[in-house]
Amino acid sequence: RDEAAAMAPILADRNVNLALELTPATAAPADAGEL
């Protein structure tokens, strides 16, 4: 969700529609910055 919000300028520049289908999911073990 955070990365999708940060992509807003590029999406607007290319006139691309972003469809989100997000359900709760936890990756472990994981590095949040790398993912």
PDB file of all heavy atoms in Angstrom:
ATOM      1  N   ARG A   1       0.829  -1.201   0.000  1.00  0.00           N
ATOM      2  CA  ARG A   1       0.000   0.000   0.000  1.00  0.00           C
ATOM      3  C   ARG A   1       0.876   1.269   0.000  1.00  0.00           C
ATOM      4  O   ARG A   1       0.600   2.229  -0.738  1.00  0.00           O
ATOM      5  CB  ARG A   1      -0.919  -0.015   1.224  1.00  0.00           C
ATOM      6  CG  ARG A   1      -1.982   1.068   1.210  1.00  0.00           C
ATOM      7  CD  ARG A   1      -2.976   0.873   2.330  1.00  0.00           C
ATOM      8  NE  ARG A   1      -3.856  -0.279   2.095  1.00  0.00           N
ATOM      9  CZ  ARG A   1      -3.728  -1.447   2.717  1.00  0.00           C
ATOM     10  NH1 ARG A   1      -2.788  -1.633   3.623  1.00  0.00           N
ATOM     11  NH2 ARG A   1      -4.562  -2.439   2.439  1.00  0.00           N
ATOM     12  N   ASP A   2       1.955   1.254   0.800  1.00  0.00           N
ATOM     13  CA  ASP A   2       2.848   2.418   0.856  1.00  0.00           C
ATOM     14  C   ASP A   2       3.557   2.637  -0.481  1.00  0.00           C
ATOM     15  O   ASP A   2       3.689   3.780  -0.956  1.00  0.00           O
ATOM     16  CB  ASP A   2       3.880   2.223   1.966  1.00  0.00           C
ATOM     17  CG  ASP A   2       3.258   2.258   3.357  1.00  0.00           C
ATOM     18  OD1 ASP A   2       2.116   2.756   3.478  1.00  0.00           O
ATOM     19  OD2 ASP A   2       3.903   1.778   4.312  1.00  0.00           O
ATOM     20  N   GLU A   3       4.055   1.559  -1.090  1.00  0.00           N
ATOM     21  CA  GLU A   3       4.766   1.711  -2.361  1.00  0.00           C
ATOM     22  C   GLU A   3       3.814   2.139  -3.470  1.00  0.00           C
ATOM     23  O   GLU A   3       4.198   2.905  -4.363  1.00  0.00           O
ATOM     24  CB  GLU A   3       5.464   0.394  -2.733  1.00  0.00           C
ATOM     25  CG  GLU A   3       6.621   0.018  -1.830  1.00  0.00           C
ATOM     26  CD  GLU A   3       7.701   1.086  -1.805  1.00  0.00           C
ATOM     27  OE1 GLU A   3       7.963   1.694  -2.866  1.00  0.00           O
ATOM     28  OE2 GLU A   3       8.270   1.328  -0.727  1.00  0.00           O
ATOM     29  N   ALA A   4       2.584   1.667  -3.432  1.00  0.00           N
ATOM     30  CA  ALA A   4       1.604   2.093  -4.436  1.00  0.00           C
ATOM     31  C   ALA A   4       1.343   3.591  -4.329  1.00  0.00           C
ATOM     32  O   ALA A   4       1.234   4.290  -5.352  1.00  0.00           O
ATOM     33  CB  ALA A   4       0.309   1.303  -4.261  1.00  0.00           C
ATOM     34  N   ALA A   5       1.257   4.114  -3.114  1.00  0.00           N
ATOM     35  CA  ALA A   5       1.053   5.554  -2.935  1.00  0.00           C
ATOM     36  C   ALA A   5       2.253   6.342  -3.448  1.00  0.00           C
ATOM     37  O   ALA A   5       2.101   7.411  -4.063  1.00  0.00           O
ATOM     38  CB  ALA A   5       0.804   5.858  -1.454  1.00  0.00           C
ATOM     39  N   ALA A   6       3.468   5.809  -3.241  1.00  0.00           N
ATOM     40  CA  ALA A   6       4.665   6.521  -3.697  1.00  0.00           C
ATOM     41  C   ALA A   6       4.782   6.511  -5.219  1.00  0.00           C
ATOM     42  O   ALA A   6       5.479   7.358  -5.795  1.00  0.00           O
ATOM     43  CB  ALA A   6       5.911   5.884  -3.078  1.00  0.00           C
ATOM     44  N   MET A   7       4.107   5.575  -5.898  1.00  0.00           N
ATOM     45  CA  MET A   7       4.177   5.484  -7.355  1.00  0.00           C
ATOM     46  C   MET A   7       3.211   6.416  -8.059  1.00  0.00           C
ATOM     47  O   MET A   7       3.166   6.453  -9.291  1.00  0.00           O
ATOM     48  CB  MET A   7       3.878   4.038  -7.782  1.00  0.00           C
ATOM     49  CG  MET A   7       4.987   3.048  -7.510  1.00  0.00           C
ATOM     50  SD  MET A   7       6.369   3.260  -8.642  1.00  0.00           S
ATOM     51  CE  MET A   7       5.585   2.841 -10.189  1.00  0.00           C
ATOM     52  N   ALA A   8       2.424   7.185  -7.317  1.00  0.00           N
ATOM     53  CA  ALA A   8       1.384   8.031  -7.921  1.00  0.00           C
ATOM     54  C   ALA A   8       1.915   8.935  -9.037  1.00  0.00           C
ATOM     55  O   ALA A   8       1.283   9.026 -10.108  1.00  0.00           O
ATOM     56  CB  ALA A   8       0.700   8.859  -6.838  1.00  0.00           C
ATOM     57  N   PRO A   9       3.073   9.632  -8.885  1.00  0.00           N
ATOM     58  CA  PRO A   9       3.539  10.507  -9.980  1.00  0.00           C
ATOM     59  C   PRO A   9       3.828   9.744 -11.271  1.00  0.00           C
ATOM     60  O   PRO A   9       3.479  10.208 -12.366  1.00  0.00           O
ATOM     61  CB  PRO A   9       4.809  11.140  -9.404  1.00  0.00           C
ATOM     62  CG  PRO A   9       4.639  11.062  -7.925  1.00  0.00           C
ATOM     63  CD  PRO A   9       3.899   9.786  -7.683  1.00  0.00           C
ATOM     64  N   ILE A  10       4.454   8.570 -11.167  1.00  0.00           N
ATOM     65  CA  ILE A  10       4.772   7.792 -12.372  1.00  0.00           C
ATOM     66  C   ILE A  10       3.492   7.275 -13.015  1.00  0.00           C
ATOM     67  O   ILE A  10       3.341   7.266 -14.243  1.00  0.00           O
ATOM     68  CB  ILE A  10       5.723   6.633 -12.026  1.00  0.00           C
ATOM     69  CG1 ILE A  10       7.043   7.180 -11.473  1.00  0.00           C
ATOM     70  CG2 ILE A  10       5.982   5.754 -13.234  1.00  0.00           C
ATOM     71  CD1 ILE A  10       8.023   6.102 -11.056  1.00  0.00           C
ATOM     72  N   LEU A  11       2.533   6.836 -12.175  1.00  0.00           N
ATOM     73  CA  LEU A  11       1.260   6.355 -12.708  1.00  0.00           C
ATOM     74  C   LEU A  11       0.534   7.463 -13.462  1.00  0.00           C
ATOM     75  O   LEU A  11      -0.023   7.237 -14.549  1.00  0.00           O
ATOM     76  CB  LEU A  11       0.379   5.836 -11.564  1.00  0.00           C
ATOM     77  CG  LEU A  11       0.887   4.584 -10.831  1.00  0.00           C
ATOM     78  CD1 LEU A  11       0.053   4.344  -9.572  1.00  0.00           C
ATOM     79  CD2 LEU A  11       0.809   3.369 -11.750  1.00  0.00           C
ATOM     80  N   ALA A  12       0.544   8.655 -12.888  1.00  0.00           N
ATOM     81  CA  ALA A  12      -0.125   9.780 -13.543  1.00  0.00           C
ATOM     82  C   ALA A  12       0.573  10.154 -14.848  1.00  0.00           C
ATOM     83  O   ALA A  12      -0.079  10.478 -15.847  1.00  0.00           O
ATOM     84  CB  ALA A  12      -0.164  10.975 -12.597  1.00  0.00           C
ATOM     85  N   ASP A  13       1.899  10.095 -14.859  1.00  0.00           N
ATOM     86  CA  ASP A  13       2.657  10.460 -16.059  1.00  0.00           C
ATOM     87  C   ASP A  13       2.362   9.507 -17.207  1.00  0.00           C
ATOM     88  O   ASP A  13       2.302   9.924 -18.364  1.00  0.00           O
ATOM     89  CB  ASP A  13       4.157  10.458 -15.725  1.00  0.00           C
ATOM     90  CG  ASP A  13       4.995  10.926 -16.903  1.00  0.00           C
ATOM     91  OD1 ASP A  13       4.786  12.063 -17.357  1.00  0.00           O
ATOM     92  OD2 ASP A  13       5.868  10.140 -17.363  1.00  0.00           O
ATOM     93  N   ARG A  14       2.184   8.213 -16.897  1.00  0.00           N
ATOM     94  CA  ARG A  14       1.899   7.237 -17.949  1.00  0.00           C
ATOM     95  C   ARG A  14       0.406   6.965 -18.097  1.00  0.00           C
ATOM     96  O   ARG A  14       0.027   6.131 -18.907  1.00  0.00           O
ATOM     97  CB  ARG A  14       2.612   5.904 -17.619  1.00  0.00           C
ATOM     98  CG  ARG A  14       4.127   5.995 -17.599  1.00  0.00           C
ATOM     99  CD  ARG A  14       4.679   6.267 -18.991  1.00  0.00           C
ATOM    100  NE  ARG A  14       4.280   5.259 -19.953  1.00  0.00           N
ATOM    101  CZ  ARG A  14       4.951   4.120 -20.168  1.00  0.00           C
ATOM    102  NH1 ARG A  14       6.055   3.878 -19.471  1.00  0.00           N
ATOM    103  NH2 ARG A  14       4.524   3.253 -21.076  1.00  0.00           N
ATOM    104  N   ASN A  15      -0.414   7.656 -17.313  1.00  0.00           N
ATOM    105  CA  ASN A  15      -1.871   7.475 -17.374  1.00  0.00           C
ATOM    106  C   ASN A  15      -2.250   6.013 -17.144  1.00  0.00           C
ATOM    107  O   ASN A  15      -3.077   5.437 -17.856  1.00  0.00           O
ATOM    108  CB  ASN A  15      -2.418   7.961 -18.724  1.00  0.00           C
ATOM    109  CG  ASN A  15      -3.934   8.077 -18.713  1.00  0.00           C
ATOM    110  OD1 ASN A  15      -4.543   8.300 -17.654  1.00  0.00           O
ATOM    111  ND2 ASN A  15      -4.555   7.913 -19.881  1.00  0.00           N
ATOM    112  N   VAL A  16      -1.612   5.408 -16.129  1.00  0.00           N
ATOM    113  CA  VAL A  16      -1.837   3.997 -15.825  1.00  0.00           C
ATOM    114  C   VAL A  16      -2.720   3.891 -14.598  1.00  0.00           C
ATOM    115  O   VAL A  16      -2.530   4.597 -13.602  1.00  0.00           O
ATOM    116  CB  VAL A  16      -0.494   3.268 -15.585  1.00  0.00           C
ATOM    117  CG1 VAL A  16      -0.733   1.849 -15.072  1.00  0.00           C
ATOM    118  CG2 VAL A  16       0.314   3.226 -16.876  1.00  0.00           C
ATOM    119  N   ASN A  17      -3.680   2.999 -14.656  1.00  0.00           N
ATOM    120  CA  ASN A  17      -4.555   2.743 -13.521  1.00  0.00           C
ATOM    121  C   ASN A  17      -3.978   1.594 -12.692  1.00  0.00           C
ATOM    122  O   ASN A  17      -3.630   0.539 -13.234  1.00  0.00           O
ATOM    123  CB  ASN A  17      -5.954   2.379 -14.009  1.00  0.00           C
ATOM    124  CG  ASN A  17      -6.886   2.034 -12.860  1.00  0.00           C
ATOM    125  OD1 ASN A  17      -6.986   2.786 -11.891  1.00  0.00           O
ATOM    126  ND2 ASN A  17      -7.542   0.893 -12.963  1.00  0.00           N
ATOM    127  N   LEU A  18      -3.879   1.797 -11.367  1.00  0.00           N
ATOM    128  CA  LEU A  18      -3.343   0.771 -10.472  1.00  0.00           C
ATOM    129  C   LEU A  18      -4.488   0.167  -9.665  1.00  0.00           C
ATOM    130  O   LEU A  18      -5.165   0.866  -8.904  1.00  0.00           O
ATOM    131  CB  LEU A  18      -2.293   1.367  -9.530  1.00  0.00           C
ATOM    132  CG  LEU A  18      -1.668   0.391  -8.526  1.00  0.00           C
ATOM    133  CD1 LEU A  18      -0.955  -0.748  -9.239  1.00  0.00           C
ATOM    134  CD2 LEU A  18      -0.697   1.123  -7.597  1.00  0.00           C
ATOM    135  N   ALA A  19      -4.701  -1.132  -9.836  1.00  0.00           N
ATOM    136  CA  ALA A  19      -5.739  -1.849  -9.096  1.00  0.00           C
ATOM    137  C   ALA A  19      -5.093  -2.637  -7.967  1.00  0.00           C
ATOM    138  O   ALA A  19      -4.175  -3.441  -8.191  1.00  0.00           O
ATOM    139  CB  ALA A  19      -6.492  -2.789 -10.032  1.00  0.00           C
ATOM    140  N   LEU A  20      -5.558  -2.409  -6.736  1.00  0.00           N
ATOM    141  CA  LEU A  20      -4.993  -3.062  -5.561  1.00  0.00           C
ATOM    142  C   LEU A  20      -5.922  -4.158  -5.054  1.00  0.00           C
ATOM    143  O   LEU A  20      -7.131  -3.965  -4.950  1.00  0.00           O
ATOM    144  CB  LEU A  20      -4.758  -2.036  -4.441  1.00  0.00           C
ATOM    145  CG  LEU A  20      -3.793  -0.896  -4.749  1.00  0.00           C
ATOM    146  CD1 LEU A  20      -3.687   0.036  -3.545  1.00  0.00           C
ATOM    147  CD2 LEU A  20      -2.427  -1.419  -5.125  1.00  0.00           C
ATOM    148  N   GLU A  21      -5.344  -5.314  -4.745  1.00  0.00           N
ATOM    149  CA  GLU A  21      -6.070  -6.423  -4.118  1.00  0.00           C
ATOM    150  C   GLU A  21      -5.213  -6.925  -2.962  1.00  0.00           C
ATOM    151  O   GLU A  21      -4.412  -7.848  -3.111  1.00  0.00           O
ATOM    152  CB  GLU A  21      -6.329  -7.547  -5.137  1.00  0.00           C
ATOM    153  CG  GLU A  21      -7.158  -7.108  -6.331  1.00  0.00           C
ATOM    154  CD  GLU A  21      -7.244  -8.198  -7.388  1.00  0.00           C
ATOM    155  OE1 GLU A  21      -6.714  -9.297  -7.144  1.00  0.00           O
ATOM    156  OE2 GLU A  21      -7.823  -7.936  -8.462  1.00  0.00           O
ATOM    157  N   LEU A  22      -5.350  -6.283  -1.820  1.00  0.00           N
ATOM    158  CA  LEU A  22      -4.449  -6.526  -0.697  1.00  0.00           C
ATOM    159  C   LEU A  22      -5.207  -7.151   0.466  1.00  0.00           C
ATOM    160  O   LEU A  22      -6.222  -6.610   0.923  1.00  0.00           O
ATOM    161  CB  LEU A  22      -3.802  -5.212  -0.227  1.00  0.00           C
ATOM    162  CG  LEU A  22      -3.107  -4.380  -1.319  1.00  0.00           C
ATOM    163  CD1 LEU A  22      -2.540  -3.099  -0.728  1.00  0.00           C
ATOM    164  CD2 LEU A  22      -2.017  -5.188  -1.996  1.00  0.00           C
ATOM    165  N   THR A  23      -4.734  -8.286   0.913  1.00  0.00           N
ATOM    166  CA  THR A  23      -5.270  -8.928   2.117  1.00  0.00           C
ATOM    167  C   THR A  23      -4.128  -9.092   3.109  1.00  0.00           C
ATOM    168  O   THR A  23      -2.955  -9.183   2.715  1.00  0.00           O
ATOM    169  CB  THR A  23      -5.877 -10.304   1.796  1.00  0.00           C
ATOM    170  OG1 THR A  23      -4.875 -11.115   1.179  1.00  0.00           O
ATOM    171  CG2 THR A  23      -7.062 -10.158   0.861  1.00  0.00           C
ATOM    172  N   PRO A  24      -4.416  -9.133   4.412  1.00  0.00           N
ATOM    173  CA  PRO A  24      -3.340  -9.219   5.415  1.00  0.00           C
ATOM    174  C   PRO A  24      -2.445 -10.441   5.182  1.00  0.00           C
ATOM    175  O   PRO A  24      -2.925 -11.562   5.037  1.00  0.00           O
ATOM    176  CB  PRO A  24      -4.090  -9.319   6.739  1.00  0.00           C
ATOM    177  CG  PRO A  24      -5.411  -8.672   6.470  1.00  0.00           C
ATOM    178  CD  PRO A  24      -5.742  -9.001   5.046  1.00  0.00           C
ATOM    179  N   ALA A  25      -1.143 -10.193   5.127  1.00  0.00           N
ATOM    180  CA  ALA A  25      -0.164 -11.267   4.928  1.00  0.00           C
ATOM    181  C   ALA A  25       1.170 -10.808   5.506  1.00  0.00           C
ATOM    182  O   ALA A  25       1.588  -9.671   5.268  1.00  0.00           O
ATOM    183  CB  ALA A  25      -0.015 -11.613   3.449  1.00  0.00           C
ATOM    184  N   THR A  26       1.818 -11.675   6.262  1.00  0.00           N
ATOM    185  CA  THR A  26       3.079 -11.344   6.916  1.00  0.00           C
ATOM    186  C   THR A  26       4.170 -12.276   6.415  1.00  0.00           C
ATOM    187  O   THR A  26       4.042 -13.500   6.500  1.00  0.00           O
ATOM    188  CB  THR A  26       2.964 -11.482   8.448  1.00  0.00           C
ATOM    189  OG1 THR A  26       1.949 -10.599   8.916  1.00  0.00           O
ATOM    190  CG2 THR A  26       4.286 -11.136   9.127  1.00  0.00           C
ATOM    191  N   ALA A  27       5.233 -11.691   5.883  1.00  0.00           N
ATOM    192  CA  ALA A  27       6.399 -12.470   5.452  1.00  0.00           C
ATOM    193  C   ALA A  27       7.357 -12.614   6.622  1.00  0.00           C
ATOM    194  O   ALA A  27       7.654 -11.639   7.314  1.00  0.00           O
ATOM    195  CB  ALA A  27       7.099 -11.787   4.287  1.00  0.00           C
ATOM    196  N   ALA A  28       7.837 -13.819   6.857  1.00  0.00           N
ATOM    197  CA  ALA A  28       8.774 -14.067   7.965  1.00  0.00           C
ATOM    198  C   ALA A  28       9.578 -15.328   7.665  1.00  0.00           C
ATOM    199  O   ALA A  28       9.008 -16.339   7.235  1.00  0.00           O
ATOM    200  CB  ALA A  28       8.001 -14.228   9.283  1.00  0.00           C
ATOM    201  N   PRO A  29      10.915 -15.262   7.875  1.00  0.00           N
ATOM    202  CA  PRO A  29      11.695 -14.082   8.230  1.00  0.00           C
ATOM    203  C   PRO A  29      11.814 -13.133   7.037  1.00  0.00           C
ATOM    204  O   PRO A  29      11.795 -13.600   5.899  1.00  0.00           O
ATOM    205  CB  PRO A  29      13.055 -14.675   8.612  1.00  0.00           C
ATOM    206  CG  PRO A  29      13.152 -15.919   7.812  1.00  0.00           C
ATOM    207  CD  PRO A  29      11.759 -16.475   7.712  1.00  0.00           C
ATOM    208  N   ALA A  30      11.920 -11.856   7.328  1.00  0.00           N
ATOM    209  CA  ALA A  30      11.899 -10.892   6.235  1.00  0.00           C
ATOM    210  C   ALA A  30      12.584  -9.606   6.642  1.00  0.00           C
ATOM    211  O   ALA A  30      12.629  -9.241   7.819  1.00  0.00           O
ATOM    212  CB  ALA A  30      10.459 -10.608   5.814  1.00  0.00           C
ATOM    213  N   ASP A  31      13.108  -8.906   5.627  1.00  0.00           N
ATOM    214  CA  ASP A  31      13.662  -7.560   5.781  1.00  0.00           C
ATOM    215  C   ASP A  31      12.694  -6.621   5.074  1.00  0.00           C
ATOM    216  O   ASP A  31      12.538  -6.675   3.842  1.00  0.00           O
ATOM    217  CB  ASP A  31      15.060  -7.496   5.160  1.00  0.00           C
ATOM    218  CG  ASP A  31      15.709  -6.134   5.328  1.00  0.00           C
ATOM    219  OD1 ASP A  31      15.122  -5.138   4.855  1.00  0.00           O
ATOM    220  OD2 ASP A  31      16.798  -6.052   5.929  1.00  0.00           O
ATOM    221  N   ALA A  32      12.016  -5.765   5.834  1.00  0.00           N
ATOM    222  CA  ALA A  32      10.965  -4.912   5.267  1.00  0.00           C
ATOM    223  C   ALA A  32      11.519  -3.988   4.186  1.00  0.00           C
ATOM    224  O   ALA A  32      10.874  -3.771   3.152  1.00  0.00           O
ATOM    225  CB  ALA A  32      10.300  -4.098   6.385  1.00  0.00           C
ATOM    226  N   GLY A  33      12.714  -3.441   4.392  1.00  0.00           N
ATOM    227  CA  GLY A  33      13.295  -2.538   3.399  1.00  0.00           C
ATOM    228  C   GLY A  33      13.549  -3.228   2.078  1.00  0.00           C
ATOM    229  O   GLY A  33      13.277  -2.677   0.997  1.00  0.00           O
ATOM    230  N   GLU A  34      14.062  -4.464   2.121  1.00  0.00           N
ATOM    231  CA  GLU A  34      14.334  -5.189   0.882  1.00  0.00           C
ATOM    232  C   GLU A  34      13.040  -5.573   0.168  1.00  0.00           C
ATOM    233  O   GLU A  34      12.949  -5.486  -1.062  1.00  0.00           O
ATOM    234  CB  GLU A  34      15.167  -6.435   1.173  1.00  0.00           C
ATOM    235  CG  GLU A  34      16.596  -6.120   1.589  1.00  0.00           C
ATOM    236  CD  GLU A  34      17.440  -7.370   1.732  1.00  0.00           C
ATOM    237  OE1 GLU A  34      16.896  -8.479   1.570  1.00  0.00           O
ATOM    238  OE2 GLU A  34      18.659  -7.245   1.997  1.00  0.00           O
ATOM    239  N   LEU A  35      12.020  -5.989   0.919  1.00  0.00           N
ATOM    240  CA  LEU A  35      10.757  -6.350   0.277  1.00  0.00           C
ATOM    241  C   LEU A  35      10.060  -5.133  -0.317  1.00  0.00           C
ATOM    242  O   LEU A  35       9.401  -5.231  -1.358  1.00  0.00           O
ATOM    243  CB  LEU A  35       9.843  -7.052   1.284  1.00  0.00           C
ATOM    244  CG  LEU A  35      10.323  -8.430   1.749  1.00  0.00           C
ATOM    245  CD1 LEU A  35       9.280  -9.075   2.654  1.00  0.00           C
ATOM    246  CD2 LEU A  35      10.629  -9.336   0.566  1.00  0.00           C
TER     247      LEU A  35
END
